[in-house]
Amino acid sequence: MPANERAARLVDPVFGRVHTDHMAILRWSQDKGWHDAKVTARAALTVDPATAVLHYAQEIFEGLKAYRMEDGSAALFRPDANARRFRDSARRMAMPELPDDLFLASVEALVRADREWIPTSEGGSLYLRPFMIASEAFLGVKPSSEYLYIVLASSVGSYWKGGVKPVSLWVSHDYTRAAPGGTGAAKCGGNYATSLVAQAEATRRGCDQVVFLDAAERRWIEELGGMNIFFVFDDGSILTPPLTGTILPGITRDSILTLARDQGLTVREQLYGIDQWRADAESGRIVESFACGTAAVVTPIGHVSGPDYGFQVGSGGMGQTTQRFLEQLTAIQRGRSPDPHHWLRRLG
């Protein structure tokens, strides 16, 4: 794309709408393994109507960001963690595991090819979407014998226009996101597809996001449609639901837990019920709650509603602990503060 047209698109890029010039591709087959690696012009895919992913949904994906550093270089935030989670998702979906070195090489090659697409505006970054689909053309319930792995890139601006805003949540008592033994810990498209009807209900109820309860008892808080959740208590301790196989092991979630422990905070990964949240919010024991994920990083939760109840969390705005984690994480991601855990992978 001509530089002047690219610059116009980067003025205020809407999340997921501005795509870069290139994509990275790898193929896998039973007889060749991983092969045909290349960075090529971004183009439409041509698939057979019997392609396995269209019928049996063997598909996984990741999401991570590349940031422009103050010296003009680029850096990825914890891509090694994305590589591990991509392998875990592939194993659960009976797909071939992509070696970490190939995952890292693919995202680095694409960032190098499309570095000029990283916005220079405050809060801008390059969102990377590695994904893999079953590409064999057949009709039959079995793992595919061929797979296509692609990395796309999208220029994104600040997630929140005009500053971070508290979100309102609708507690879904009718729909669940995942069950024990299912695919809740895998980053597969089906998990997100099943959340859409619940998200639509939340929107109808005037809420920004949906939060899911466990499938067995409809009691324990699990996660939002696309973000993990944290609770901050009046004694300074924090709590987040444990990873029991029904919750996606978020990389932002893990980063916050690490930062909290570095600061000497009491951290608990344990079950927490919706009735407890309501009672603790009303008594003042809960002073903040926030959601976290790659896209928005850290998002305060202001109000929670259910079928016959509603309550405010803390002041209803951005709390001090939420603000601190947001500032600490974004400072590390953009190379503006020390990186003691070596989370940044600089590309030069």
Foldseek 3Di string as FASTA:
>chain_A
DDPVVLVVCLPAPAPPPAWFQWKWKWKAFPVPGIDDTDIDGDDDDDADPQQPCVPPVLKFKFKWWWAQAPVRFIKTFQVLVVLVLQQVQCVLSVHDRDDSVVSVVRVLVVCVVGVVSFRPDPQKIKMKMWMKGRRDRDDDPDGHRMMMIMIIIGIHHANDVPDAWAWEEEEDLPAAQFAPPGSQQGRGPVSLVSCVVVQVVCVVVVTRWYWYAYPPPSWWTADISAWFKKWAFPVGAIEGAAPPRNHHPAPLVVVLVVVCVVVVHHYYHHTDTPVNQQVCQVVRGTAWMWIAHNRNGIHTHAKYDYPPDIGGHHPSTDDPSSVVSVVVVVCVSRVNDDDVPPRIDISD
